[in-house]
Amino acid sequence: GHGNDISLREDGGLADIAPTLLQILNLEQPAAMTGRSLIEPVSNVDPSPLSARLPLPV
């Protein structure tokens, strides 16, 4: 997984949560959205998109 291969910005705010989730889900960020992802690229990492698994409802 990518868990140890990412770096998180420390200067983020509430407006950065949605762009971060969009990046994790590999979705495009709307132009009107002002925040930016909290995930910083790491130079020695495969640039393929991150993946996430969500629990299924019971």
PDB file of N, CA and C in Angstrom:
ATOM      1  N   GLY A   1       0.816  -1.190   0.000  1.00  0.00           N
ATOM      2  CA  GLY A   1       0.000   0.000   0.000  1.00  0.00           C
ATOM      3  C   GLY A   1       0.854   1.246   0.000  1.00  0.00           C
ATOM      4  N   HIS A   2       0.205   2.367  -0.009  1.00  0.00           N
ATOM      5  CA  HIS A   2       0.876   3.663  -0.046  1.00  0.00           C
ATOM      6  C   HIS A   2       1.047   4.270   1.343  1.00  0.00           C
ATOM      7  N   GLY A   3       0.616   3.594   2.392  1.00  0.00           N
ATOM      8  CA  GLY A   3       0.604   4.166   3.727  1.00  0.00           C
ATOM      9  C   GLY A   3       1.895   4.809   4.179  1.00  0.00           C
ATOM     10  N   ASN A   4       3.035   4.207   3.884  1.00  0.00           N
ATOM     11  CA  ASN A   4       4.314   4.756   4.322  1.00  0.00           C
ATOM     12  C   ASN A   4       4.973   5.623   3.262  1.00  0.00           C
ATOM     13  N   ASP A   5       4.335   5.767   2.110  1.00  0.00           N
ATOM     14  CA  ASP A   5       4.964   6.441   0.985  1.00  0.00           C
ATOM     15  C   ASP A   5       4.406   7.824   0.703  1.00  0.00           C
ATOM     16  N   ILE A   6       3.589   8.361   1.581  1.00  0.00           N
ATOM     17  CA  ILE A   6       3.021   9.686   1.358  1.00  0.00           C
ATOM     18  C   ILE A   6       3.464  10.628   2.463  1.00  0.00           C
ATOM     19  N   SER A   7       3.402  11.881   2.162  1.00  0.00           N
ATOM     20  CA  SER A   7       3.731  12.918   3.131  1.00  0.00           C
ATOM     21  C   SER A   7       2.530  13.846   3.219  1.00  0.00           C
ATOM     22  N   LEU A   8       2.144  14.217   4.437  1.00  0.00           N
ATOM     23  CA  LEU A   8       1.002  15.102   4.628  1.00  0.00           C
ATOM     24  C   LEU A   8       1.472  16.506   4.965  1.00  0.00           C
ATOM     25  N   ARG A   9       0.840  17.486   4.327  1.00  0.00           N
ATOM     26  CA  ARG A   9       1.135  18.884   4.639  1.00  0.00           C
ATOM     27  C   ARG A   9       0.679  19.173   6.064  1.00  0.00           C
ATOM     28  N   GLU A  10       1.393  20.016   6.755  1.00  0.00           N
ATOM     29  CA  GLU A  10       1.029  20.385   8.119  1.00  0.00           C
ATOM     30  C   GLU A  10       0.317  21.723   8.180  1.00  0.00           C
ATOM     31  N   ASP A  11       0.235  22.434   7.056  1.00  0.00           N
ATOM     32  CA  ASP A  11      -0.376  23.758   7.050  1.00  0.00           C
ATOM     33  C   ASP A  11      -1.809  23.729   6.524  1.00  0.00           C
ATOM     34  N   GLY A  12      -2.443  22.569   6.539  1.00  0.00           N
ATOM     35  CA  GLY A  12      -3.780  22.424   5.975  1.00  0.00           C
ATOM     36  C   GLY A  12      -4.868  22.995   6.862  1.00  0.00           C
ATOM     37  N   GLY A  13      -6.032  23.136   6.257  1.00  0.00           N
ATOM     38  CA  GLY A  13      -7.201  23.626   6.964  1.00  0.00           C
ATOM     39  C   GLY A  13      -8.428  22.850   6.530  1.00  0.00           C
ATOM     40  N   LEU A  14      -9.577  23.248   7.040  1.00  0.00           N
ATOM     41  CA  LEU A  14     -10.829  22.565   6.750  1.00  0.00           C
ATOM     42  C   LEU A  14     -11.120  22.521   5.249  1.00  0.00           C
ATOM     43  N   ALA A  15     -10.789  23.577   4.522  1.00  0.00           N
ATOM     44  CA  ALA A  15     -11.051  23.634   3.078  1.00  0.00           C
ATOM     45  C   ALA A  15     -10.229  22.603   2.305  1.00  0.00           C
ATOM     46  N   ASP A  16      -9.215  22.007   2.934  1.00  0.00           N
ATOM     47  CA  ASP A  16      -8.347  21.048   2.259  1.00  0.00           C
ATOM     48  C   ASP A  16      -8.830  19.602   2.383  1.00  0.00           C
ATOM     49  N   ILE A  17      -9.840  19.359   3.218  1.00  0.00           N
ATOM     50  CA  ILE A  17     -10.331  17.991   3.423  1.00  0.00           C
ATOM     51  C   ILE A  17     -10.952  17.432   2.142  1.00  0.00           C
ATOM     52  N   ALA A  18     -11.876  18.177   1.520  1.00  0.00           N
ATOM     53  CA  ALA A  18     -12.545  17.685   0.307  1.00  0.00           C
ATOM     54  C   ALA A  18     -11.553  17.431  -0.829  1.00  0.00           C
ATOM     55  N   PRO A  19     -10.619  18.349  -1.124  1.00  0.00           N
ATOM     56  CA  PRO A  19      -9.647  18.052  -2.181  1.00  0.00           C
ATOM     57  C   PRO A  19      -8.796  16.812  -1.880  1.00  0.00           C
ATOM     58  N   THR A  20      -8.509  16.581  -0.613  1.00  0.00           N
ATOM     59  CA  THR A  20      -7.738  15.399  -0.224  1.00  0.00           C
ATOM     60  C   THR A  20      -8.532  14.131  -0.515  1.00  0.00           C
ATOM     61  N   LEU A  21      -9.809  14.130  -0.144  1.00  0.00           N
ATOM     62  CA  LEU A  21     -10.656  12.963  -0.406  1.00  0.00           C
ATOM     63  C   LEU A  21     -10.822  12.733  -1.907  1.00  0.00           C
ATOM     64  N   LEU A  22     -10.977  13.805  -2.665  1.00  0.00           N
ATOM     65  CA  LEU A  22     -11.088  13.664  -4.121  1.00  0.00           C
ATOM     66  C   LEU A  22      -9.822  13.042  -4.701  1.00  0.00           C
ATOM     67  N   GLN A  23      -8.655  13.436  -4.199  1.00  0.00           N
ATOM     68  CA  GLN A  23      -7.395  12.856  -4.677  1.00  0.00           C
ATOM     69  C   GLN A  23      -7.337  11.368  -4.345  1.00  0.00           C
ATOM     70  N   ILE A  24      -7.721  11.006  -3.127  1.00  0.00           N
ATOM     71  CA  ILE A  24      -7.703   9.599  -2.716  1.00  0.00           C
ATOM     72  C   ILE A  24      -8.626   8.772  -3.607  1.00  0.00           C
ATOM     73  N   LEU A  25      -9.777   9.346  -3.973  1.00  0.00           N
ATOM     74  CA  LEU A  25     -10.747   8.643  -4.813  1.00  0.00           C
ATOM     75  C   LEU A  25     -10.454   8.789  -6.303  1.00  0.00           C
ATOM     76  N   ASN A  26      -9.345   9.474  -6.625  1.00  0.00           N
ATOM     77  CA  ASN A  26      -8.924   9.693  -8.010  1.00  0.00           C
ATOM     78  C   ASN A  26     -10.000  10.421  -8.816  1.00  0.00           C
ATOM     79  N   LEU A  27     -10.615  11.435  -8.202  1.00  0.00           N
ATOM     80  CA  LEU A  27     -11.623  12.268  -8.857  1.00  0.00           C
ATOM     81  C   LEU A  27     -11.061  13.667  -9.063  1.00  0.00           C
ATOM     82  N   GLU A  28     -11.506  14.330 -10.116  1.00  0.00           N
ATOM     83  CA  GLU A  28     -11.025  15.674 -10.424  1.00  0.00           C
ATOM     84  C   GLU A  28     -11.606  16.699  -9.453  1.00  0.00           C
ATOM     85  N   GLN A  29     -10.786  17.630  -9.023  1.00  0.00           N
ATOM     86  CA  GLN A  29     -11.224  18.704  -8.133  1.00  0.00           C
ATOM     87  C   GLN A  29     -11.882  19.804  -8.960  1.00  0.00           C
ATOM     88  N   PRO A  30     -13.116  20.222  -8.599  1.00  0.00           N
ATOM     89  CA  PRO A  30     -13.763  21.315  -9.330  1.00  0.00           C
ATOM     90  C   PRO A  30     -12.944  22.604  -9.232  1.00  0.00           C
ATOM     91  N   ALA A  31     -12.960  23.403 -10.294  1.00  0.00           N
ATOM     92  CA  ALA A  31     -12.195  24.651 -10.330  1.00  0.00           C
ATOM     93  C   ALA A  31     -12.634  25.615  -9.234  1.00  0.00           C
ATOM     94  N   ALA A  32     -13.909  25.572  -8.845  1.00  0.00           N
ATOM     95  CA  ALA A  32     -14.422  26.483  -7.824  1.00  0.00           C
ATOM     96  C   ALA A  32     -13.936  26.126  -6.415  1.00  0.00           C
ATOM     97  N   MET A  33     -13.386  24.940  -6.243  1.00  0.00           N
ATOM     98  CA  MET A  33     -12.920  24.496  -4.930  1.00  0.00           C
ATOM     99  C   MET A  33     -11.562  25.131  -4.648  1.00  0.00           C
ATOM    100  N   THR A  34     -11.464  25.873  -3.549  1.00  0.00           N
ATOM    101  CA  THR A  34     -10.249  26.644  -3.271  1.00  0.00           C
ATOM    102  C   THR A  34      -9.179  25.882  -2.493  1.00  0.00           C
ATOM    103  N   GLY A  35      -9.543  24.830  -1.801  1.00  0.00           N
ATOM    104  CA  GLY A  35      -8.560  24.089  -1.011  1.00  0.00           C
ATOM    105  C   GLY A  35      -7.630  23.280  -1.897  1.00  0.00           C
ATOM    106  N   ARG A  36      -6.607  22.700  -1.265  1.00  0.00           N
ATOM    107  CA  ARG A  36      -5.700  21.813  -1.999  1.00  0.00           C
ATOM    108  C   ARG A  36      -5.422  20.586  -1.147  1.00  0.00           C
ATOM    109  N   SER A  37      -5.096  19.511  -1.799  1.00  0.00           N
ATOM    110  CA  SER A  37      -4.912  18.237  -1.121  1.00  0.00           C
ATOM    111  C   SER A  37      -3.840  18.328  -0.036  1.00  0.00           C
ATOM    112  N   LEU A  38      -4.081  17.628   1.050  1.00  0.00           N
ATOM    113  CA  LEU A  38      -3.111  17.554   2.143  1.00  0.00           C
ATOM    114  C   LEU A  38      -2.001  16.546   1.844  1.00  0.00           C
ATOM    115  N   ILE A  39      -2.189  15.739   0.811  1.00  0.00           N
ATOM    116  CA  ILE A  39      -1.203  14.722   0.455  1.00  0.00           C
ATOM    117  C   ILE A  39      -0.185  15.335  -0.493  1.00  0.00           C
ATOM    118  N   GLU A  40       1.070  15.295  -0.076  1.00  0.00           N
ATOM    119  CA  GLU A  40       2.155  15.812  -0.907  1.00  0.00           C
ATOM    120  C   GLU A  40       2.810  14.647  -1.628  1.00  0.00           C
ATOM    121  N   PRO A  41       3.150  14.833  -2.892  1.00  0.00           N
ATOM    122  CA  PRO A  41       3.851  13.758  -3.596  1.00  0.00           C
ATOM    123  C   PRO A  41       5.246  13.553  -3.009  1.00  0.00           C
ATOM    124  N   VAL A  42       5.678  12.313  -2.990  1.00  0.00           N
ATOM    125  CA  VAL A  42       7.023  11.969  -2.542  1.00  0.00           C
ATOM    126  C   VAL A  42       7.789  11.547  -3.790  1.00  0.00           C
ATOM    127  N   SER A  43       8.971  12.094  -3.983  1.00  0.00           N
ATOM    128  CA  SER A  43       9.699  11.937  -5.244  1.00  0.00           C
ATOM    129  C   SER A  43      10.041  10.497  -5.607  1.00  0.00           C
ATOM    130  N   ASN A  44      10.244   9.616  -4.644  1.00  0.00           N
ATOM    131  CA  ASN A  44      10.671   8.251  -4.964  1.00  0.00           C
ATOM    132  C   ASN A  44       9.515   7.254  -4.959  1.00  0.00           C
ATOM    133  N   VAL A  45       8.297   7.735  -5.188  1.00  0.00           N
ATOM    134  CA  VAL A  45       7.113   6.882  -5.119  1.00  0.00           C
ATOM    135  C   VAL A  45       6.495   6.743  -6.503  1.00  0.00           C
ATOM    136  N   ASP A  46       5.941   5.588  -6.774  1.00  0.00           N
ATOM    137  CA  ASP A  46       5.194   5.357  -8.009  1.00  0.00           C
ATOM    138  C   ASP A  46       4.063   6.376  -8.097  1.00  0.00           C
ATOM    139  N   PRO A  47       3.938   7.118  -9.195  1.00  0.00           N
ATOM    140  CA  PRO A  47       2.934   8.179  -9.295  1.00  0.00           C
ATOM    141  C   PRO A  47       1.512   7.687  -9.533  1.00  0.00           C
ATOM    142  N   SER A  48       1.277   6.368  -9.491  1.00  0.00           N
ATOM    143  CA  SER A  48      -0.076   5.868  -9.712  1.00  0.00           C
ATOM    144  C   SER A  48      -1.008   6.385  -8.613  1.00  0.00           C
ATOM    145  N   PRO A  49      -2.302   6.499  -8.919  1.00  0.00           N
ATOM    146  CA  PRO A  49      -3.239   7.061  -7.940  1.00  0.00           C
ATOM    147  C   PRO A  49      -3.334   6.214  -6.677  1.00  0.00           C
ATOM    148  N   LEU A  50      -3.688   6.856  -5.598  1.00  0.00           N
ATOM    149  CA  LEU A  50      -3.922   6.161  -4.341  1.00  0.00           C
ATOM    150  C   LEU A  50      -5.215   5.376  -4.449  1.00  0.00           C
ATOM    151  N   SER A  51      -5.369   4.347  -3.638  1.00  0.00           N
ATOM    152  CA  SER A  51      -6.625   3.612  -3.617  1.00  0.00           C
ATOM    153  C   SER A  51      -7.125   3.559  -2.186  1.00  0.00           C
ATOM    154  N   ALA A  52      -8.412   3.375  -2.053  1.00  0.00           N
ATOM    155  CA  ALA A  52      -9.019   3.303  -0.727  1.00  0.00           C
ATOM    156  C   ALA A  52     -10.118   2.262  -0.747  1.00  0.00           C
ATOM    157  N   ARG A  53     -10.330   1.623   0.375  1.00  0.00           N
ATOM    158  CA  ARG A  53     -11.436   0.685   0.530  1.00  0.00           C
ATOM    159  C   ARG A  53     -12.358   1.230   1.597  1.00  0.00           C
ATOM    160  N   LEU A  54     -13.630   1.240   1.281  1.00  0.00           N
ATOM    161  CA  LEU A  54     -14.622   1.704   2.235  1.00  0.00           C
ATOM    162  C   LEU A  54     -15.401   0.500   2.733  1.00  0.00           C
ATOM    163  N   PRO A  55     -15.743   0.470   4.031  1.00  0.00           N
ATOM    164  CA  PRO A  55     -16.520  -0.658   4.547  1.00  0.00           C
ATOM    165  C   PRO A  55     -17.925  -0.660   3.940  1.00  0.00           C
ATOM    166  N   LEU A  56     -18.431  -1.847   3.702  1.00  0.00           N
ATOM    167  CA  LEU A  56     -19.794  -1.970   3.195  1.00  0.00           C
ATOM    168  C   LEU A  56     -20.782  -1.821   4.346  1.00  0.00           C
ATOM    169  N   PRO A  57     -21.927  -1.169   4.104  1.00  0.00           N
ATOM    170  CA  PRO A  57     -22.924  -1.043   5.174  1.00  0.00           C
ATOM    171  C   PRO A  57     -23.505  -2.409   5.520  1.00  0.00           C
ATOM    172  N   VAL A  58     -23.868  -2.588   6.758  1.00  0.00           N
ATOM    173  CA  VAL A  58     -24.443  -3.858   7.210  1.00  0.00           C
ATOM    174  C   VAL A  58     -25.920  -3.766   7.394  1.00  0.00           C
TER     175      VAL A  58
END
